[in-house]
Each structure stands twice: as structure tokens, then as C-alpha cells.
Amino acid sequence: MDDIHCYSIEHVRAQAEVAMARSGYYELRFYAESGRPAREKTDSIETFYYYPSGGTIRDREMNIVYYEPKLDKYHTSNRDV
């Protein structure tokens, strides 16, 4: 079964579709390891913050833990030409 709490670009997009937007970011929940979203199931799930205007995933202290160009709505490869 595809677990929505395992970090991937597809799971960020799926969670963001149903999450409430708050001041330009979305609260998402992923399994975590060493304070970062984990791609596989772990013993803990944490809240992370997705900022589509920069394609960044941030931790609870707002440190950038991932930059994903595919999630950046202003990245040139994601714009319609």
C-alpha cells in the first residue's frame, strides 16, 4: 500500500491538495528521521511546512530541509511557456 506519510513529490502534492493554506504554506505530515521527512516508514510522524512559492519543505523551526524544483511554482521548468 502506498503510504501518504512516506516523503515523495507525489505525496507532497497529494497532501497539499487537501491541506488548508496558511500564509503561503501548507502543513504536511511525514514520517521523520533525524528531523527530516523520511521516504520510508519510521516510528514517528512529524509536521513539516511546504512553501510552493519556493519549492521548500521546512521543519518545525522553519529550517529548510528540502528544496524541490519540481514543487517550486515559480521555477522556470514548471512554468507554461
PDB file of N, CA and C in Angstrom:
ATOM      1  N   MET A   1       0.842  -1.186   0.000  1.00  0.00           N
ATOM      2  CA  MET A   1       0.000   0.000   0.000  1.00  0.00           C
ATOM      3  C   MET A   1       0.884   1.245   0.000  1.00  0.00           C
ATOM      4  N   ASP A   2       0.498   2.237  -0.762  1.00  0.00           N
ATOM      5  CA  ASP A   2       1.237   3.490  -0.878  1.00  0.00           C
ATOM      6  C   ASP A   2       0.899   4.370   0.320  1.00  0.00           C
ATOM      7  N   ASP A   3       1.868   4.595   1.200  1.00  0.00           N
ATOM      8  CA  ASP A   3       1.638   5.345   2.444  1.00  0.00           C
ATOM      9  C   ASP A   3       1.889   6.831   2.203  1.00  0.00           C
ATOM     10  N   ILE A   4       0.854   7.638   2.353  1.00  0.00           N
ATOM     11  CA  ILE A   4       0.906   9.085   2.105  1.00  0.00           C
ATOM     12  C   ILE A   4       1.887   9.800   3.030  1.00  0.00           C
ATOM     13  N   HIS A   5       2.301   9.142   4.118  1.00  0.00           N
ATOM     14  CA  HIS A   5       3.228   9.754   5.064  1.00  0.00           C
ATOM     15  C   HIS A   5       4.691   9.471   4.738  1.00  0.00           C
ATOM     16  N   CYS A   6       4.950   8.683   3.693  1.00  0.00           N
ATOM     17  CA  CYS A   6       6.319   8.485   3.204  1.00  0.00           C
ATOM     18  C   CYS A   6       6.615   9.637   2.246  1.00  0.00           C
ATOM     19  N   TYR A   7       7.720  10.329   2.464  1.00  0.00           N
ATOM     20  CA  TYR A   7       8.019  11.532   1.691  1.00  0.00           C
ATOM     21  C   TYR A   7       8.282  11.210   0.218  1.00  0.00           C
ATOM     22  N   SER A   8       7.602  11.932  -0.649  1.00  0.00           N
ATOM     23  CA  SER A   8       7.853  11.924  -2.094  1.00  0.00           C
ATOM     24  C   SER A   8       7.179  13.170  -2.665  1.00  0.00           C
ATOM     25  N   ILE A   9       7.557  13.549  -3.851  1.00  0.00           N
ATOM     26  CA  ILE A   9       6.944  14.710  -4.501  1.00  0.00           C
ATOM     27  C   ILE A   9       5.445  14.470  -4.679  1.00  0.00           C
ATOM     28  N   GLU A  10       5.083  13.259  -5.075  1.00  0.00           N
ATOM     29  CA  GLU A  10       3.674  12.933  -5.276  1.00  0.00           C
ATOM     30  C   GLU A  10       2.881  13.061  -3.971  1.00  0.00           C
ATOM     31  N   HIS A  11       3.483  12.643  -2.844  1.00  0.00           N
ATOM     32  CA  HIS A  11       2.785  12.721  -1.562  1.00  0.00           C
ATOM     33  C   HIS A  11       2.703  14.155  -1.046  1.00  0.00           C
ATOM     34  N   VAL A  12       3.690  14.976  -1.365  1.00  0.00           N
ATOM     35  CA  VAL A  12       3.599  16.406  -1.024  1.00  0.00           C
ATOM     36  C   VAL A  12       2.411  17.005  -1.770  1.00  0.00           C
ATOM     37  N   ARG A  13       2.327  16.736  -3.057  1.00  0.00           N
ATOM     38  CA  ARG A  13       1.224  17.285  -3.860  1.00  0.00           C
ATOM     39  C   ARG A  13      -0.126  16.776  -3.380  1.00  0.00           C
ATOM     40  N   ALA A  14      -0.218  15.497  -3.064  1.00  0.00           N
ATOM     41  CA  ALA A  14      -1.485  14.910  -2.617  1.00  0.00           C
ATOM     42  C   ALA A  14      -1.932  15.515  -1.288  1.00  0.00           C
ATOM     43  N   GLN A  15      -1.009  15.664  -0.354  1.00  0.00           N
ATOM     44  CA  GLN A  15      -1.376  16.262   0.936  1.00  0.00           C
ATOM     45  C   GLN A  15      -1.730  17.736   0.780  1.00  0.00           C
ATOM     46  N   ALA A  16      -1.002  18.451  -0.077  1.00  0.00           N
ATOM     47  CA  ALA A  16      -1.259  19.884  -0.272  1.00  0.00           C
ATOM     48  C   ALA A  16      -2.639  20.124  -0.896  1.00  0.00           C
ATOM     49  N   GLU A  17      -3.119  19.172  -1.688  1.00  0.00           N
ATOM     50  CA  GLU A  17      -4.441  19.316  -2.305  1.00  0.00           C
ATOM     51  C   GLU A  17      -5.551  19.399  -1.264  1.00  0.00           C
ATOM     52  N   VAL A  18      -5.387  18.713  -0.132  1.00  0.00           N
ATOM     53  CA  VAL A  18      -6.443  18.678   0.880  1.00  0.00           C
ATOM     54  C   VAL A  18      -6.105  19.499   2.127  1.00  0.00           C
ATOM     55  N   ALA A  19      -4.856  19.973   2.226  1.00  0.00           N
ATOM     56  CA  ALA A  19      -4.444  20.778   3.386  1.00  0.00           C
ATOM     57  C   ALA A  19      -4.923  22.216   3.215  1.00  0.00           C
ATOM     58  N   MET A  20      -5.153  22.864   4.332  1.00  0.00           N
ATOM     59  CA  MET A  20      -5.558  24.258   4.301  1.00  0.00           C
ATOM     60  C   MET A  20      -4.317  25.143   4.142  1.00  0.00           C
ATOM     61  N   ALA A  21      -4.374  26.074   3.205  1.00  0.00           N
ATOM     62  CA  ALA A  21      -3.274  27.012   3.006  1.00  0.00           C
ATOM     63  C   ALA A  21      -3.259  28.016   4.137  1.00  0.00           C
ATOM     64  N   ARG A  22      -2.049  28.299   4.655  1.00  0.00           N
ATOM     65  CA  ARG A  22      -1.885  29.252   5.758  1.00  0.00           C
ATOM     66  C   ARG A  22      -0.737  30.198   5.424  1.00  0.00           C
ATOM     67  N   SER A  23      -1.029  31.411   5.160  1.00  0.00           N
ATOM     68  CA  SER A  23       0.002  32.426   4.917  1.00  0.00           C
ATOM     69  C   SER A  23       1.079  31.964   3.937  1.00  0.00           C
ATOM     70  N   GLY A  24       0.664  31.296   2.880  1.00  0.00           N
ATOM     71  CA  GLY A  24       1.607  30.895   1.840  1.00  0.00           C
ATOM     72  C   GLY A  24       2.251  29.539   2.032  1.00  0.00           C
ATOM     73  N   TYR A  25       1.841  28.768   3.028  1.00  0.00           N
ATOM     74  CA  TYR A  25       2.412  27.436   3.223  1.00  0.00           C
ATOM     75  C   TYR A  25       1.313  26.440   3.580  1.00  0.00           C
ATOM     76  N   TYR A  26       1.675  25.168   3.496  1.00  0.00           N
ATOM     77  CA  TYR A  26       0.774  24.077   3.853  1.00  0.00           C
ATOM     78  C   TYR A  26       1.436  23.226   4.927  1.00  0.00           C
ATOM     79  N   GLU A  27       0.657  22.801   5.908  1.00  0.00           N
ATOM     80  CA  GLU A  27       1.158  21.876   6.925  1.00  0.00           C
ATOM     81  C   GLU A  27       0.972  20.454   6.391  1.00  0.00           C
ATOM     82  N   LEU A  28       2.054  19.711   6.348  1.00  0.00           N
ATOM     83  CA  LEU A  28       2.026  18.336   5.875  1.00  0.00           C
ATOM     84  C   LEU A  28       2.613  17.420   6.935  1.00  0.00           C
ATOM     85  N   ARG A  29       2.249  16.154   6.919  1.00  0.00           N
ATOM     86  CA  ARG A  29       2.738  15.196   7.911  1.00  0.00           C
ATOM     87  C   ARG A  29       3.466  14.058   7.203  1.00  0.00           C
ATOM     88  N   PHE A  30       4.701  13.829   7.661  1.00  0.00           N
ATOM     89  CA  PHE A  30       5.520  12.751   7.093  1.00  0.00           C
ATOM     90  C   PHE A  30       6.226  11.988   8.202  1.00  0.00           C
ATOM     91  N   TYR A  31       6.548  10.731   7.902  1.00  0.00           N
ATOM     92  CA  TYR A  31       7.453  10.004   8.787  1.00  0.00           C
ATOM     93  C   TYR A  31       8.738  10.817   8.839  1.00  0.00           C
ATOM     94  N   ALA A  32       9.407  10.780   9.990  1.00  0.00           N
ATOM     95  CA  ALA A  32      10.609  11.592  10.147  1.00  0.00           C
ATOM     96  C   ALA A  32      11.764  10.750  10.664  1.00  0.00           C
ATOM     97  N   GLU A  33      12.952  11.161  10.217  1.00  0.00           N
ATOM     98  CA  GLU A  33      14.194  10.561  10.696  1.00  0.00           C
ATOM     99  C   GLU A  33      15.236  11.666  10.771  1.00  0.00           C
ATOM    100  N   SER A  34      15.814  11.844  11.929  1.00  0.00           N
ATOM    101  CA  SER A  34      16.809  12.894  12.155  1.00  0.00           C
ATOM    102  C   SER A  34      16.278  14.283  11.782  1.00  0.00           C
ATOM    103  N   GLY A  35      14.996  14.518  12.056  1.00  0.00           N
ATOM    104  CA  GLY A  35      14.408  15.826  11.810  1.00  0.00           C
ATOM    105  C   GLY A  35      14.059  16.128  10.370  1.00  0.00           C
ATOM    106  N   ARG A  36      14.166  15.136   9.504  1.00  0.00           N
ATOM    107  CA  ARG A  36      13.860  15.321   8.077  1.00  0.00           C
ATOM    108  C   ARG A  36      12.762  14.361   7.655  1.00  0.00           C
ATOM    109  N   PRO A  37      11.974  14.718   6.647  1.00  0.00           N
ATOM    110  CA  PRO A  37      10.970  13.782   6.144  1.00  0.00           C
ATOM    111  C   PRO A  37      11.646  12.509   5.626  1.00  0.00           C
ATOM    112  N   ALA A  38      11.068  11.377   5.969  1.00  0.00           N
ATOM    113  CA  ALA A  38      11.648  10.082   5.582  1.00  0.00           C
ATOM    114  C   ALA A  38      10.869   9.480   4.414  1.00  0.00           C
ATOM    115  N   ARG A  39      11.585   8.830   3.528  1.00  0.00           N
ATOM    116  CA  ARG A  39      10.963   8.185   2.364  1.00  0.00           C
ATOM    117  C   ARG A  39      10.390   6.809   2.706  1.00  0.00           C
ATOM    118  N   GLU A  40      10.710   6.331   3.891  1.00  0.00           N
ATOM    119  CA  GLU A  40      10.204   5.040   4.355  1.00  0.00           C
ATOM    120  C   GLU A  40       9.585   5.207   5.731  1.00  0.00           C
ATOM    121  N   LYS A  41       8.757   4.245   6.120  1.00  0.00           N
ATOM    122  CA  LYS A  41       8.082   4.295   7.410  1.00  0.00           C
ATOM    123  C   LYS A  41       9.095   4.275   8.555  1.00  0.00           C
ATOM    124  N   THR A  42       8.878   5.159   9.549  1.00  0.00           N
ATOM    125  CA  THR A  42       9.694   5.202  10.765  1.00  0.00           C
ATOM    126  C   THR A  42       8.749   5.158  11.963  1.00  0.00           C
ATOM    127  N   ASP A  43       9.294   5.290  13.148  1.00  0.00           N
ATOM    128  CA  ASP A  43       8.479   5.248  14.362  1.00  0.00           C
ATOM    129  C   ASP A  43       7.765   6.560  14.669  1.00  0.00           C
ATOM    130  N   SER A  44       8.099   7.637  13.967  1.00  0.00           N
ATOM    131  CA  SER A  44       7.457   8.916  14.286  1.00  0.00           C
ATOM    132  C   SER A  44       7.001   9.644  13.029  1.00  0.00           C
ATOM    133  N   ILE A  45       5.917  10.380  13.204  1.00  0.00           N
ATOM    134  CA  ILE A  45       5.389  11.256  12.152  1.00  0.00           C
ATOM    135  C   ILE A  45       5.466  12.676  12.700  1.00  0.00           C
ATOM    136  N   GLU A  46       6.002  13.597  11.887  1.00  0.00           N
ATOM    137  CA  GLU A  46       6.129  14.996  12.300  1.00  0.00           C
ATOM    138  C   GLU A  46       5.461  15.902  11.274  1.00  0.00           C
ATOM    139  N   THR A  47       5.208  17.117  11.697  1.00  0.00           N
ATOM    140  CA  THR A  47       4.641  18.131  10.815  1.00  0.00           C
ATOM    141  C   THR A  47       5.770  18.881  10.131  1.00  0.00           C
ATOM    142  N   PHE A  48       5.614  19.078   8.830  1.00  0.00           N
ATOM    143  CA  PHE A  48       6.553  19.860   8.032  1.00  0.00           C
ATOM    144  C   PHE A  48       5.740  20.899   7.278  1.00  0.00           C
ATOM    145  N   TYR A  49       6.418  21.901   6.750  1.00  0.00           N
ATOM    146  CA  TYR A  49       5.748  23.017   6.110  1.00  0.00           C
ATOM    147  C   TYR A  49       6.235  23.151   4.674  1.00  0.00           C
ATOM    148  N   TYR A  50       5.270  23.104   3.759  1.00  0.00           N
ATOM    149  CA  TYR A  50       5.564  23.198   2.332  1.00  0.00           C
ATOM    150  C   TYR A  50       5.239  24.599   1.836  1.00  0.00           C
ATOM    151  N   TYR A  51       6.246  25.256   1.237  1.00  0.00           N
ATOM    152  CA  TYR A  51       6.100  26.584   0.647  1.00  0.00           C
ATOM    153  C   TYR A  51       6.186  26.452  -0.867  1.00  0.00           C
ATOM    154  N   PRO A  52       5.047  26.445  -1.586  1.00  0.00           N
ATOM    155  CA  PRO A  52       5.077  26.270  -3.034  1.00  0.00           C
ATOM    156  C   PRO A  52       5.755  27.413  -3.778  1.00  0.00           C
ATOM    157  N   SER A  53       5.794  28.604  -3.198  1.00  0.00           N
ATOM    158  CA  SER A  53       6.424  29.732  -3.883  1.00  0.00           C
ATOM    159  C   SER A  53       7.940  29.593  -3.935  1.00  0.00           C
ATOM    160  N   GLY A  54       8.494  28.665  -3.186  1.00  0.00           N
ATOM    161  CA  GLY A  54       9.932  28.441  -3.232  1.00  0.00           C
ATOM    162  C   GLY A  54      10.296  26.977  -3.402  1.00  0.00           C
ATOM    163  N   GLY A  55       9.280  26.113  -3.379  1.00  0.00           N
ATOM    164  CA  GLY A  55       9.531  24.684  -3.514  1.00  0.00           C
ATOM    165  C   GLY A  55      10.281  24.109  -2.327  1.00  0.00           C
ATOM    166  N   THR A  56      10.089  24.700  -1.146  1.00  0.00           N
ATOM    167  CA  THR A  56      10.837  24.253   0.024  1.00  0.00           C
ATOM    168  C   THR A  56       9.948  23.501   1.004  1.00  0.00           C
ATOM    169  N   ILE A  57      10.573  22.557   1.687  1.00  0.00           N
ATOM    170  CA  ILE A  57       9.969  21.848   2.803  1.00  0.00           C
ATOM    171  C   ILE A  57      10.771  22.273   4.029  1.00  0.00           C
ATOM    172  N   ARG A  58      10.060  22.754   5.049  1.00  0.00           N
ATOM    173  CA  ARG A  58      10.725  23.253   6.252  1.00  0.00           C
ATOM    174  C   ARG A  58      10.301  22.444   7.472  1.00  0.00           C
ATOM    175  N   ASP A  59      11.196  22.411   8.472  1.00  0.00           N
ATOM    176  CA  ASP A  59      10.887  21.709   9.719  1.00  0.00           C
ATOM    177  C   ASP A  59      10.158  22.639  10.674  1.00  0.00           C
ATOM    178  N   ARG A  60       9.906  22.181  11.893  1.00  0.00           N
ATOM    179  CA  ARG A  60       9.114  22.963  12.854  1.00  0.00           C
ATOM    180  C   ARG A  60       9.798  24.261  13.271  1.00  0.00           C
ATOM    181  N   GLU A  61      11.110  24.353  13.077  1.00  0.00           N
ATOM    182  CA  GLU A  61      11.837  25.588  13.389  1.00  0.00           C
ATOM    183  C   GLU A  61      12.022  26.456  12.149  1.00  0.00           C
ATOM    184  N   MET A  62      11.353  26.073  11.061  1.00  0.00           N
ATOM    185  CA  MET A  62      11.366  26.766   9.767  1.00  0.00           C
ATOM    186  C   MET A  62      12.711  26.689   9.048  1.00  0.00           C
ATOM    187  N   ASN A  63      13.539  25.718   9.409  1.00  0.00           N
ATOM    188  CA  ASN A  63      14.767  25.456   8.662  1.00  0.00           C
ATOM    189  C   ASN A  63      14.406  24.705   7.383  1.00  0.00           C
ATOM    190  N   ILE A  64      15.031  25.062   6.276  1.00  0.00           N
ATOM    191  CA  ILE A  64      14.787  24.352   5.026  1.00  0.00           C
ATOM    192  C   ILE A  64      15.443  22.975   5.116  1.00  0.00           C
ATOM    193  N   VAL A  65      14.632  21.931   4.919  1.00  0.00           N
ATOM    194  CA  VAL A  65      15.181  20.575   4.936  1.00  0.00           C
ATOM    195  C   VAL A  65      15.240  19.977   3.533  1.00  0.00           C
ATOM    196  N   TYR A  66      14.413  20.494   2.616  1.00  0.00           N
ATOM    197  CA  TYR A  66      14.465  20.073   1.208  1.00  0.00           C
ATOM    198  C   TYR A  66      14.109  21.253   0.327  1.00  0.00           C
ATOM    199  N   TYR A  67      14.772  21.309  -0.824  1.00  0.00           N
ATOM    200  CA  TYR A  67      14.349  22.195  -1.904  1.00  0.00           C
ATOM    201  C   TYR A  67      14.046  21.288  -3.076  1.00  0.00           C
ATOM    202  N   GLU A  68      12.838  21.358  -3.579  1.00  0.00           N
ATOM    203  CA  GLU A  68      12.413  20.523  -4.696  1.00  0.00           C
ATOM    204  C   GLU A  68      11.997  21.423  -5.856  1.00  0.00           C
ATOM    205  N   PRO A  69      12.838  21.552  -6.883  1.00  0.00           N
ATOM    206  CA  PRO A  69      12.460  22.392  -8.026  1.00  0.00           C
ATOM    207  C   PRO A  69      11.108  22.001  -8.632  1.00  0.00           C
ATOM    208  N   LYS A  70      10.772  20.716  -8.614  1.00  0.00           N
ATOM    209  CA  LYS A  70       9.500  20.274  -9.184  1.00  0.00           C
ATOM    210  C   LYS A  70       8.302  20.777  -8.383  1.00  0.00           C
ATOM    211  N   LEU A  71       8.533  21.212  -7.150  1.00  0.00           N
ATOM    212  CA  LEU A  71       7.450  21.738  -6.311  1.00  0.00           C
ATOM    213  C   LEU A  71       7.437  23.253  -6.239  1.00  0.00           C
ATOM    214  N   ASP A  72       8.398  23.895  -6.896  1.00  0.00           N
ATOM    215  CA  ASP A  72       8.505  25.356  -6.887  1.00  0.00           C
ATOM    216  C   ASP A  72       7.638  25.918  -8.006  1.00  0.00           C
ATOM    217  N   LYS A  73       6.549  26.588  -7.638  1.00  0.00           N
ATOM    218  CA  LYS A  73       5.635  27.060  -8.680  1.00  0.00           C
ATOM    219  C   LYS A  73       6.229  28.168  -9.543  1.00  0.00           C
ATOM    220  N   TYR A  74       7.349  28.761  -9.116  1.00  0.00           N
ATOM    221  CA  TYR A  74       7.983  29.799  -9.908  1.00  0.00           C
ATOM    222  C   TYR A  74       9.245  29.338 -10.629  1.00  0.00           C
ATOM    223  N   HIS A  75       9.625  28.086 -10.469  1.00  0.00           N
ATOM    224  CA  HIS A  75      10.813  27.552 -11.143  1.00  0.00           C
ATOM    225  C   HIS A  75      10.552  27.558 -12.645  1.00  0.00           C
ATOM    226  N   THR A  76      11.522  27.973 -13.424  1.00  0.00           N
ATOM    227  CA  THR A  76      11.312  28.145 -14.866  1.00  0.00           C
ATOM    228  C   THR A  76      10.863  26.874 -15.574  1.00  0.00           C
ATOM    229  N   SER A  77      11.306  25.711 -15.150  1.00  0.00           N
ATOM    230  CA  SER A  77      10.895  24.485 -15.836  1.00  0.00           C
ATOM    231  C   SER A  77       9.448  24.102 -15.502  1.00  0.00           C
ATOM    232  N   ASN A  78       8.837  24.770 -14.527  1.00  0.00           N
ATOM    233  CA  ASN A  78       7.464  24.456 -14.143  1.00  0.00           C
ATOM    234  C   ASN A  78       6.460  25.453 -14.705  1.00  0.00           C
ATOM    235  N   ARG A  79       6.923  26.470 -15.417  1.00  0.00           N
ATOM    236  CA  ARG A  79       6.026  27.479 -15.981  1.00  0.00           C
ATOM    237  C   ARG A  79       5.609  27.097 -17.388  1.00  0.00           C
ATOM    238  N   ASP A  80       4.400  27.461 -17.724  1.00  0.00           N
ATOM    239  CA  ASP A  80       3.948  27.289 -19.110  1.00  0.00           C
ATOM    240  C   ASP A  80       4.602  28.375 -19.958  1.00  0.00           C
ATOM    241  N   VAL A  81       5.151  27.961 -21.076  1.00  0.00           N
ATOM    242  CA  VAL A  81       5.843  28.926 -21.943  1.00  0.00           C
ATOM    243  C   VAL A  81       4.928  29.344 -23.065  1.00  0.00           C
TER     244      VAL A  81
END
